[in-house]
Amino acid sequence: MSKNSLMKNLGIWGQRIENGLLVLLLTAMILLASTQIFLRNFLDSGFTIGDELLRIMVLWLAILGALAASRDQRHIAIDALTRHFSPRVTMAVALFVCVFVAAVCGFIFRASFLLVKDAYTYKDTVLGGQPAWIYQAILPIGFGLMSWRYLMHAARRLQILLGKADSDDSV
């Protein structure tokens, strides 16, 4: 198996895992929220950790959604000026944006890593006594992966600008 096909297969499996996690998490959130509403309105009860668990799930869903957007390059973009540029200038601007986003995600990775480290050090808890750092770990993992992805997008754009790759390939 060649290196390119191995990387492609890993990418496909990674995409399937991300999509599966998104679907699973969103389904679980809908079921939990619906159950909470039913229990509160009709039985005057509910899960004691339900609201806190939903907040944690929203955090995970947001990070996983951002990862999917970074993978597919479907993030929010303002391209009012770039549509008037030549393709080469547009590619250079996209390269700059990718490097900038990778740097910002890198800074957030570092800050979230310190947050998780502090939660571990001070033994913060959630959900009735569970270690908080386990649930917060999605932050540095997610932002680290996003930073890596944007560096890879930047490298691809740089190859195109230098003429070492076709712009027809996925960018």
N, C-alpha and C. Protein backbone atom coordinates (compact mmCIF):
# COMPACT_ATOMS: atom_id res chain seq x y z
N MET A 1 0.86 -1.17 0.00
CA MET A 1 0.00 0.00 0.00
C MET A 1 0.90 1.24 0.00
N SER A 2 0.63 2.15 -0.91
CA SER A 2 1.47 3.34 -1.01
C SER A 2 1.12 4.34 0.10
N LYS A 3 2.04 5.28 0.28
CA LYS A 3 1.86 6.28 1.34
C LYS A 3 0.62 7.14 1.07
N ASN A 4 0.40 7.50 -0.19
CA ASN A 4 -0.76 8.34 -0.53
C ASN A 4 -2.07 7.62 -0.28
N SER A 5 -2.13 6.32 -0.65
CA SER A 5 -3.38 5.60 -0.43
C SER A 5 -3.62 5.35 1.05
N LEU A 6 -2.55 5.14 1.81
CA LEU A 6 -2.69 4.97 3.25
C LEU A 6 -3.23 6.26 3.88
N MET A 7 -2.66 7.39 3.49
CA MET A 7 -3.12 8.67 4.02
C MET A 7 -4.57 8.94 3.62
N LYS A 8 -4.91 8.60 2.40
CA LYS A 8 -6.28 8.79 1.93
C LYS A 8 -7.26 7.93 2.73
N ASN A 9 -6.87 6.66 2.96
CA ASN A 9 -7.73 5.77 3.76
C ASN A 9 -7.87 6.26 5.20
N LEU A 10 -6.77 6.72 5.79
CA LEU A 10 -6.84 7.28 7.14
C LEU A 10 -7.75 8.50 7.17
N GLY A 11 -7.64 9.34 6.15
CA GLY A 11 -8.50 10.51 6.07
C GLY A 11 -9.98 10.15 5.96
N ILE A 12 -10.26 9.13 5.16
CA ILE A 12 -11.65 8.68 4.99
C ILE A 12 -12.19 8.13 6.31
N TRP A 13 -11.38 7.32 6.99
CA TRP A 13 -11.82 6.76 8.27
C TRP A 13 -11.96 7.85 9.33
N GLY A 14 -11.05 8.80 9.34
CA GLY A 14 -11.16 9.92 10.27
C GLY A 14 -12.43 10.71 10.04
N GLN A 15 -12.76 10.94 8.78
CA GLN A 15 -13.98 11.66 8.44
C GLN A 15 -15.22 10.89 8.88
N ARG A 16 -15.21 9.59 8.69
CA ARG A 16 -16.34 8.76 9.12
C ARG A 16 -16.50 8.79 10.64
N ILE A 17 -15.39 8.73 11.34
CA ILE A 17 -15.44 8.77 12.81
C ILE A 17 -15.98 10.11 13.28
N GLU A 18 -15.47 11.21 12.69
CA GLU A 18 -15.97 12.55 13.06
C GLU A 18 -17.46 12.67 12.80
N ASN A 19 -17.89 12.27 11.61
CA ASN A 19 -19.31 12.36 11.26
C ASN A 19 -20.16 11.48 12.17
N GLY A 20 -19.67 10.29 12.46
CA GLY A 20 -20.40 9.39 13.36
C GLY A 20 -20.53 9.97 14.75
N LEU A 21 -19.45 10.55 15.25
CA LEU A 21 -19.50 11.18 16.58
C LEU A 21 -20.48 12.35 16.59
N LEU A 22 -20.48 13.14 15.53
CA LEU A 22 -21.43 14.26 15.46
C LEU A 22 -22.87 13.77 15.49
N VAL A 23 -23.17 12.76 14.69
CA VAL A 23 -24.54 12.23 14.65
C VAL A 23 -24.91 11.62 16.00
N LEU A 24 -24.02 10.83 16.57
CA LEU A 24 -24.27 10.19 17.86
C LEU A 24 -24.49 11.23 18.96
N LEU A 25 -23.64 12.23 19.00
CA LEU A 25 -23.74 13.26 20.03
C LEU A 25 -25.01 14.09 19.88
N LEU A 26 -25.34 14.48 18.67
CA LEU A 26 -26.55 15.27 18.45
C LEU A 26 -27.80 14.46 18.79
N THR A 27 -27.81 13.20 18.42
CA THR A 27 -28.94 12.33 18.75
C THR A 27 -29.08 12.18 20.26
N ALA A 28 -27.96 11.96 20.94
CA ALA A 28 -28.00 11.82 22.40
C ALA A 28 -28.48 13.11 23.06
N MET A 29 -28.04 14.25 22.53
CA MET A 29 -28.49 15.53 23.10
C MET A 29 -29.99 15.72 22.93
N ILE A 30 -30.51 15.39 21.76
CA ILE A 30 -31.94 15.53 21.51
C ILE A 30 -32.73 14.60 22.43
N LEU A 31 -32.28 13.37 22.56
CA LEU A 31 -32.97 12.43 23.44
C LEU A 31 -32.92 12.86 24.90
N LEU A 32 -31.75 13.30 25.35
CA LEU A 32 -31.62 13.74 26.74
C LEU A 32 -32.47 14.97 27.02
N ALA A 33 -32.42 15.96 26.13
CA ALA A 33 -33.20 17.18 26.33
C ALA A 33 -34.70 16.87 26.30
N SER A 34 -35.13 16.04 25.37
CA SER A 34 -36.55 15.67 25.29
C SER A 34 -37.00 14.92 26.54
N THR A 35 -36.17 14.02 27.00
CA THR A 35 -36.49 13.27 28.22
C THR A 35 -36.58 14.20 29.42
N GLN A 36 -35.63 15.13 29.51
CA GLN A 36 -35.65 16.11 30.62
C GLN A 36 -36.95 16.92 30.59
N ILE A 37 -37.33 17.38 29.41
CA ILE A 37 -38.56 18.17 29.28
C ILE A 37 -39.77 17.34 29.69
N PHE A 38 -39.83 16.12 29.20
CA PHE A 38 -40.95 15.25 29.55
C PHE A 38 -41.00 15.01 31.06
N LEU A 39 -39.87 14.64 31.64
CA LEU A 39 -39.84 14.34 33.07
C LEU A 39 -40.22 15.56 33.91
N ARG A 40 -39.77 16.73 33.55
CA ARG A 40 -40.07 17.94 34.32
C ARG A 40 -41.54 18.34 34.19
N ASN A 41 -42.06 18.28 32.98
CA ASN A 41 -43.43 18.76 32.75
C ASN A 41 -44.50 17.78 33.20
N PHE A 42 -44.23 16.48 33.10
CA PHE A 42 -45.27 15.51 33.39
C PHE A 42 -45.07 14.71 34.67
N LEU A 43 -43.83 14.58 35.12
CA LEU A 43 -43.58 13.77 36.29
C LEU A 43 -42.92 14.55 37.43
N ASP A 44 -42.73 15.85 37.23
CA ASP A 44 -42.07 16.70 38.24
C ASP A 44 -40.76 16.11 38.75
N SER A 45 -39.96 15.59 37.83
CA SER A 45 -38.65 15.06 38.19
C SER A 45 -37.69 15.32 37.04
N GLY A 46 -36.57 14.66 37.05
CA GLY A 46 -35.58 14.82 36.00
C GLY A 46 -34.25 14.26 36.45
N PHE A 47 -33.30 14.26 35.55
CA PHE A 47 -31.95 13.80 35.89
C PHE A 47 -31.21 14.94 36.58
N THR A 48 -30.59 14.65 37.69
CA THR A 48 -29.90 15.71 38.44
C THR A 48 -28.71 16.26 37.66
N ILE A 49 -28.08 15.44 36.85
CA ILE A 49 -26.93 15.91 36.09
C ILE A 49 -27.28 16.24 34.64
N GLY A 50 -28.56 16.18 34.31
CA GLY A 50 -28.99 16.36 32.92
C GLY A 50 -28.58 17.68 32.31
N ASP A 51 -28.81 18.79 33.01
CA ASP A 51 -28.48 20.10 32.45
C ASP A 51 -26.98 20.28 32.29
N GLU A 52 -26.22 19.84 33.28
CA GLU A 52 -24.76 19.96 33.20
C GLU A 52 -24.22 19.07 32.07
N LEU A 53 -24.77 17.88 31.93
CA LEU A 53 -24.35 16.99 30.86
C LEU A 53 -24.67 17.59 29.49
N LEU A 54 -25.83 18.22 29.36
CA LEU A 54 -26.18 18.88 28.09
C LEU A 54 -25.21 20.00 27.77
N ARG A 55 -24.79 20.77 28.76
CA ARG A 55 -23.80 21.84 28.51
C ARG A 55 -22.48 21.26 28.03
N ILE A 56 -22.06 20.16 28.63
CA ILE A 56 -20.82 19.51 28.20
C ILE A 56 -20.97 18.98 26.77
N MET A 57 -22.13 18.42 26.48
CA MET A 57 -22.37 17.89 25.14
C MET A 57 -22.39 19.00 24.10
N VAL A 58 -22.92 20.16 24.45
CA VAL A 58 -22.90 21.30 23.53
C VAL A 58 -21.45 21.70 23.23
N LEU A 59 -20.61 21.72 24.24
CA LEU A 59 -19.20 22.03 24.04
C LEU A 59 -18.56 21.02 23.07
N TRP A 60 -18.78 19.75 23.30
CA TRP A 60 -18.22 18.72 22.44
C TRP A 60 -18.76 18.83 21.02
N LEU A 61 -20.07 19.09 20.89
CA LEU A 61 -20.68 19.22 19.57
C LEU A 61 -20.09 20.42 18.82
N ALA A 62 -19.87 21.52 19.52
CA ALA A 62 -19.30 22.71 18.88
C ALA A 62 -17.88 22.43 18.39
N ILE A 63 -17.07 21.77 19.20
CA ILE A 63 -15.69 21.47 18.79
C ILE A 63 -15.68 20.47 17.64
N LEU A 64 -16.49 19.42 17.73
CA LEU A 64 -16.55 18.45 16.64
C LEU A 64 -17.09 19.08 15.35
N GLY A 65 -18.06 19.97 15.48
CA GLY A 65 -18.57 20.68 14.30
C GLY A 65 -17.52 21.58 13.68
N ALA A 66 -16.75 22.26 14.53
CA ALA A 66 -15.67 23.11 14.02
C ALA A 66 -14.59 22.27 13.34
N LEU A 67 -14.32 21.09 13.89
CA LEU A 67 -13.36 20.18 13.25
C LEU A 67 -13.85 19.75 11.87
N ALA A 68 -15.13 19.42 11.77
CA ALA A 68 -15.69 19.03 10.48
C ALA A 68 -15.63 20.19 9.50
N ALA A 69 -15.92 21.39 9.97
CA ALA A 69 -15.85 22.56 9.10
C ALA A 69 -14.42 22.82 8.64
N SER A 70 -13.45 22.62 9.52
CA SER A 70 -12.06 22.83 9.13
C SER A 70 -11.60 21.75 8.15
N ARG A 71 -12.10 20.56 8.31
CA ARG A 71 -11.75 19.46 7.41
C ARG A 71 -12.25 19.74 6.00
N ASP A 72 -13.49 20.16 5.90
CA ASP A 72 -14.11 20.40 4.60
C ASP A 72 -13.93 21.83 4.11
N GLN A 73 -13.25 22.64 4.89
CA GLN A 73 -13.05 24.06 4.59
C GLN A 73 -14.40 24.75 4.34
N ARG A 74 -15.33 24.50 5.21
CA ARG A 74 -16.66 25.10 5.13
C ARG A 74 -16.91 26.04 6.30
N HIS A 75 -15.87 26.67 6.73
CA HIS A 75 -15.97 27.63 7.82
C HIS A 75 -16.50 28.94 7.28
N ILE A 76 -16.84 29.84 8.15
CA ILE A 76 -17.33 31.15 7.74
C ILE A 76 -16.20 31.91 7.06
N ALA A 77 -16.47 32.44 5.89
CA ALA A 77 -15.45 33.18 5.15
C ALA A 77 -16.06 34.47 4.60
N ILE A 78 -15.28 35.51 4.65
CA ILE A 78 -15.70 36.78 4.06
C ILE A 78 -14.86 36.97 2.82
N ASP A 79 -15.50 36.88 1.66
CA ASP A 79 -14.74 36.95 0.42
C ASP A 79 -15.21 38.10 -0.47
N ALA A 80 -15.63 39.20 0.14
CA ALA A 80 -16.12 40.33 -0.63
C ALA A 80 -15.03 40.89 -1.55
N LEU A 81 -13.80 40.92 -1.09
CA LEU A 81 -12.71 41.47 -1.90
C LEU A 81 -12.05 40.42 -2.79
N THR A 82 -11.92 39.20 -2.28
CA THR A 82 -11.14 38.20 -3.00
C THR A 82 -11.75 37.79 -4.32
N ARG A 83 -13.04 37.96 -4.50
CA ARG A 83 -13.61 37.55 -5.79
C ARG A 83 -13.21 38.50 -6.91
N HIS A 84 -12.62 39.65 -6.56
CA HIS A 84 -12.13 40.60 -7.57
C HIS A 84 -10.65 40.43 -7.85
N PHE A 85 -9.99 39.52 -7.11
CA PHE A 85 -8.56 39.29 -7.29
C PHE A 85 -8.32 38.24 -8.37
N SER A 86 -7.09 38.20 -8.84
CA SER A 86 -6.70 37.14 -9.76
C SER A 86 -6.63 35.83 -8.97
N PRO A 87 -6.67 34.69 -9.66
CA PRO A 87 -6.60 33.41 -8.94
C PRO A 87 -5.33 33.27 -8.11
N ARG A 88 -4.23 33.77 -8.60
CA ARG A 88 -2.97 33.66 -7.86
C ARG A 88 -3.00 34.51 -6.59
N VAL A 89 -3.53 35.73 -6.67
CA VAL A 89 -3.63 36.59 -5.49
C VAL A 89 -4.64 35.99 -4.50
N THR A 90 -5.71 35.46 -5.03
CA THR A 90 -6.71 34.81 -4.17
C THR A 90 -6.08 33.64 -3.42
N MET A 91 -5.24 32.85 -4.10
CA MET A 91 -4.56 31.73 -3.45
C MET A 91 -3.59 32.23 -2.39
N ALA A 92 -2.90 33.33 -2.66
CA ALA A 92 -1.96 33.90 -1.67
C ALA A 92 -2.71 34.39 -0.43
N VAL A 93 -3.85 35.03 -0.66
CA VAL A 93 -4.67 35.50 0.47
C VAL A 93 -5.17 34.30 1.27
N ALA A 94 -5.61 33.25 0.58
CA ALA A 94 -6.07 32.03 1.26
C ALA A 94 -4.94 31.39 2.06
N LEU A 95 -3.73 31.43 1.52
CA LEU A 95 -2.56 30.91 2.24
C LEU A 95 -2.35 31.70 3.53
N PHE A 96 -2.40 33.01 3.43
CA PHE A 96 -2.23 33.86 4.62
C PHE A 96 -3.31 33.56 5.65
N VAL A 97 -4.55 33.44 5.20
CA VAL A 97 -5.66 33.17 6.11
C VAL A 97 -5.46 31.82 6.81
N CYS A 98 -5.04 30.81 6.07
CA CYS A 98 -4.81 29.48 6.67
C CYS A 98 -3.72 29.54 7.74
N VAL A 99 -2.64 30.26 7.44
CA VAL A 99 -1.56 30.37 8.43
C VAL A 99 -2.06 31.14 9.66
N PHE A 100 -2.82 32.21 9.43
CA PHE A 100 -3.35 33.00 10.54
C PHE A 100 -4.29 32.16 11.41
N VAL A 101 -5.19 31.42 10.79
CA VAL A 101 -6.13 30.58 11.53
C VAL A 101 -5.38 29.49 12.29
N ALA A 102 -4.37 28.91 11.66
CA ALA A 102 -3.56 27.88 12.34
C ALA A 102 -2.89 28.47 13.57
N ALA A 103 -2.39 29.69 13.46
CA ALA A 103 -1.74 30.34 14.61
C ALA A 103 -2.75 30.61 15.73
N VAL A 104 -3.92 31.14 15.37
CA VAL A 104 -4.95 31.41 16.38
C VAL A 104 -5.37 30.12 17.07
N CYS A 105 -5.61 29.07 16.28
CA CYS A 105 -5.97 27.77 16.87
C CYS A 105 -4.83 27.24 17.74
N GLY A 106 -3.60 27.51 17.36
CA GLY A 106 -2.46 27.10 18.17
C GLY A 106 -2.43 27.81 19.52
N PHE A 107 -2.73 29.10 19.52
CA PHE A 107 -2.79 29.85 20.79
C PHE A 107 -3.93 29.33 21.66
N ILE A 108 -5.08 29.06 21.05
CA ILE A 108 -6.21 28.54 21.82
C ILE A 108 -5.90 27.13 22.32
N PHE A 109 -5.19 26.34 21.51
CA PHE A 109 -4.75 25.03 21.95
C PHE A 109 -3.94 25.15 23.24
N ARG A 110 -2.99 26.07 23.25
CA ARG A 110 -2.14 26.24 24.42
C ARG A 110 -2.95 26.66 25.64
N ALA A 111 -3.83 27.65 25.45
CA ALA A 111 -4.65 28.13 26.56
C ALA A 111 -5.57 27.03 27.09
N SER A 112 -6.17 26.28 26.20
CA SER A 112 -7.08 25.21 26.64
C SER A 112 -6.30 24.06 27.28
N PHE A 113 -5.09 23.82 26.82
CA PHE A 113 -4.26 22.81 27.46
C PHE A 113 -3.97 23.22 28.91
N LEU A 114 -3.66 24.50 29.12
CA LEU A 114 -3.41 24.99 30.48
C LEU A 114 -4.67 24.89 31.34
N LEU A 115 -5.82 25.15 30.74
CA LEU A 115 -7.09 25.02 31.47
C LEU A 115 -7.29 23.58 31.93
N VAL A 116 -7.08 22.64 31.03
CA VAL A 116 -7.25 21.23 31.36
C VAL A 116 -6.22 20.80 32.40
N LYS A 117 -5.00 21.27 32.25
CA LYS A 117 -3.94 20.95 33.22
C LYS A 117 -4.31 21.47 34.61
N ASP A 118 -4.85 22.70 34.69
CA ASP A 118 -5.27 23.25 35.97
C ASP A 118 -6.45 22.47 36.55
N ALA A 119 -7.39 22.08 35.70
CA ALA A 119 -8.53 21.28 36.18
C ALA A 119 -8.04 19.95 36.75
N TYR A 120 -7.03 19.38 36.12
CA TYR A 120 -6.44 18.13 36.63
C TYR A 120 -5.71 18.38 37.95
N THR A 121 -4.91 19.44 37.97
CA THR A 121 -4.11 19.75 39.16
C THR A 121 -4.99 20.04 40.38
N TYR A 122 -6.04 20.83 40.17
CA TYR A 122 -6.90 21.24 41.28
C TYR A 122 -8.07 20.29 41.51
N LYS A 123 -8.08 19.19 40.76
CA LYS A 123 -9.10 18.15 40.93
C LYS A 123 -10.53 18.68 40.80
N ASP A 124 -10.74 19.55 39.79
CA ASP A 124 -12.09 20.05 39.51
C ASP A 124 -12.99 18.88 39.12
N THR A 125 -14.27 18.98 39.50
CA THR A 125 -15.20 17.90 39.19
C THR A 125 -16.45 18.45 38.51
N VAL A 126 -17.09 17.57 37.77
CA VAL A 126 -18.38 17.85 37.13
C VAL A 126 -19.23 16.61 37.25
N LEU A 127 -20.49 16.72 36.91
CA LEU A 127 -21.41 15.58 36.87
C LEU A 127 -21.39 14.77 38.16
N GLY A 128 -21.41 15.46 39.27
CA GLY A 128 -21.51 14.79 40.55
C GLY A 128 -20.23 14.10 41.00
N GLY A 129 -19.08 14.62 40.62
CA GLY A 129 -17.83 14.09 41.12
C GLY A 129 -16.86 13.54 40.09
N GLN A 130 -17.24 13.57 38.82
CA GLN A 130 -16.33 13.10 37.76
C GLN A 130 -15.23 14.14 37.53
N PRO A 131 -14.00 13.71 37.20
CA PRO A 131 -12.94 14.68 36.92
C PRO A 131 -13.28 15.55 35.70
N ALA A 132 -13.22 16.86 35.89
CA ALA A 132 -13.61 17.79 34.83
C ALA A 132 -12.65 17.74 33.64
N TRP A 133 -11.38 17.45 33.91
CA TRP A 133 -10.40 17.50 32.83
C TRP A 133 -10.72 16.51 31.71
N ILE A 134 -11.36 15.41 32.05
CA ILE A 134 -11.72 14.42 31.02
C ILE A 134 -12.68 15.03 30.01
N TYR A 135 -13.65 15.77 30.48
CA TYR A 135 -14.65 16.37 29.61
C TYR A 135 -14.13 17.62 28.92
N GLN A 136 -13.15 18.28 29.52
CA GLN A 136 -12.56 19.48 28.93
C GLN A 136 -11.47 19.15 27.92
N ALA A 137 -11.01 17.92 27.92
CA ALA A 137 -9.90 17.52 27.05
C ALA A 137 -10.21 17.71 25.57
N ILE A 138 -11.50 17.79 25.22
CA ILE A 138 -11.87 18.01 23.83
C ILE A 138 -11.33 19.35 23.32
N LEU A 139 -11.17 20.32 24.22
CA LEU A 139 -10.70 21.64 23.80
C LEU A 139 -9.29 21.61 23.20
N PRO A 140 -8.27 21.17 23.94
CA PRO A 140 -6.94 21.15 23.32
C PRO A 140 -6.84 20.16 22.16
N ILE A 141 -7.54 19.04 22.27
CA ILE A 141 -7.51 18.07 21.17
C ILE A 141 -8.10 18.70 19.91
N GLY A 142 -9.27 19.30 20.05
CA GLY A 142 -9.94 19.91 18.90
C GLY A 142 -9.15 21.05 18.30
N PHE A 143 -8.67 21.97 19.13
CA PHE A 143 -7.93 23.11 18.59
C PHE A 143 -6.57 22.69 18.06
N GLY A 144 -5.96 21.67 18.65
CA GLY A 144 -4.71 21.15 18.10
C GLY A 144 -4.92 20.56 16.71
N LEU A 145 -5.98 19.78 16.56
CA LEU A 145 -6.29 19.21 15.25
C LEU A 145 -6.65 20.28 14.23
N MET A 146 -7.40 21.29 14.65
CA MET A 146 -7.74 22.37 13.72
C MET A 146 -6.50 23.13 13.28
N SER A 147 -5.59 23.38 14.21
CA SER A 147 -4.34 24.06 13.86
C SER A 147 -3.57 23.23 12.85
N TRP A 148 -3.47 21.93 13.09
CA TRP A 148 -2.77 21.03 12.17
C TRP A 148 -3.43 21.03 10.80
N ARG A 149 -4.75 20.96 10.77
CA ARG A 149 -5.46 20.96 9.48
C ARG A 149 -5.21 22.23 8.69
N TYR A 150 -5.25 23.36 9.38
CA TYR A 150 -5.02 24.61 8.65
C TYR A 150 -3.58 24.74 8.20
N LEU A 151 -2.63 24.16 8.93
CA LEU A 151 -1.26 24.13 8.44
C LEU A 151 -1.17 23.26 7.18
N MET A 152 -1.91 22.16 7.15
CA MET A 152 -1.92 21.31 5.97
C MET A 152 -2.58 22.03 4.78
N HIS A 153 -3.67 22.76 5.05
CA HIS A 153 -4.31 23.55 3.98
C HIS A 153 -3.34 24.61 3.46
N ALA A 154 -2.60 25.23 4.37
CA ALA A 154 -1.62 26.25 3.98
C ALA A 154 -0.51 25.62 3.14
N ALA A 155 -0.03 24.46 3.56
CA ALA A 155 1.02 23.78 2.79
C ALA A 155 0.54 23.45 1.38
N ARG A 156 -0.69 23.01 1.27
CA ARG A 156 -1.26 22.69 -0.05
C ARG A 156 -1.33 23.94 -0.92
N ARG A 157 -1.77 25.03 -0.35
CA ARG A 157 -1.85 26.28 -1.11
C ARG A 157 -0.47 26.77 -1.52
N LEU A 158 0.50 26.60 -0.64
CA LEU A 158 1.86 26.99 -0.96
C LEU A 158 2.41 26.15 -2.12
N GLN A 159 2.11 24.86 -2.13
CA GLN A 159 2.52 24.01 -3.24
C GLN A 159 1.91 24.49 -4.55
N ILE A 160 0.66 24.88 -4.50
CA ILE A 160 -0.01 25.37 -5.71
C ILE A 160 0.63 26.68 -6.17
N LEU A 161 0.89 27.58 -5.24
CA LEU A 161 1.51 28.86 -5.60
C LEU A 161 2.91 28.67 -6.19
N LEU A 162 3.63 27.68 -5.69
CA LEU A 162 4.98 27.41 -6.19
C LEU A 162 4.98 26.56 -7.45
N GLY A 163 3.79 26.15 -7.89
CA GLY A 163 3.68 25.36 -9.12
C GLY A 163 4.02 23.90 -8.93
N LYS A 164 4.03 23.41 -7.72
CA LYS A 164 4.36 22.01 -7.47
C LYS A 164 3.12 21.13 -7.35
N ALA A 165 1.95 21.72 -7.50
CA ALA A 165 0.69 20.97 -7.46
C ALA A 165 -0.32 21.70 -8.33
N ASP A 166 -1.30 20.95 -8.81
CA ASP A 166 -2.35 21.55 -9.63
C ASP A 166 -3.41 22.18 -8.73
N SER A 167 -3.94 23.30 -9.18
CA SER A 167 -5.00 23.94 -8.41
C SER A 167 -6.32 23.21 -8.58
N ASP A 168 -6.38 22.25 -9.52
CA ASP A 168 -7.60 21.47 -9.70
C ASP A 168 -7.81 20.50 -8.56
N ASP A 169 -6.72 20.08 -7.91
CA ASP A 169 -6.83 19.16 -6.78
C ASP A 169 -7.56 19.86 -5.65
N SER A 170 -8.05 19.07 -4.70
CA SER A 170 -8.80 19.66 -3.59
C SER A 170 -7.90 20.59 -2.81
N VAL A 171 -8.43 21.76 -2.50
CA VAL A 171 -7.67 22.80 -1.78
C VAL A 171 -8.31 23.09 -0.47
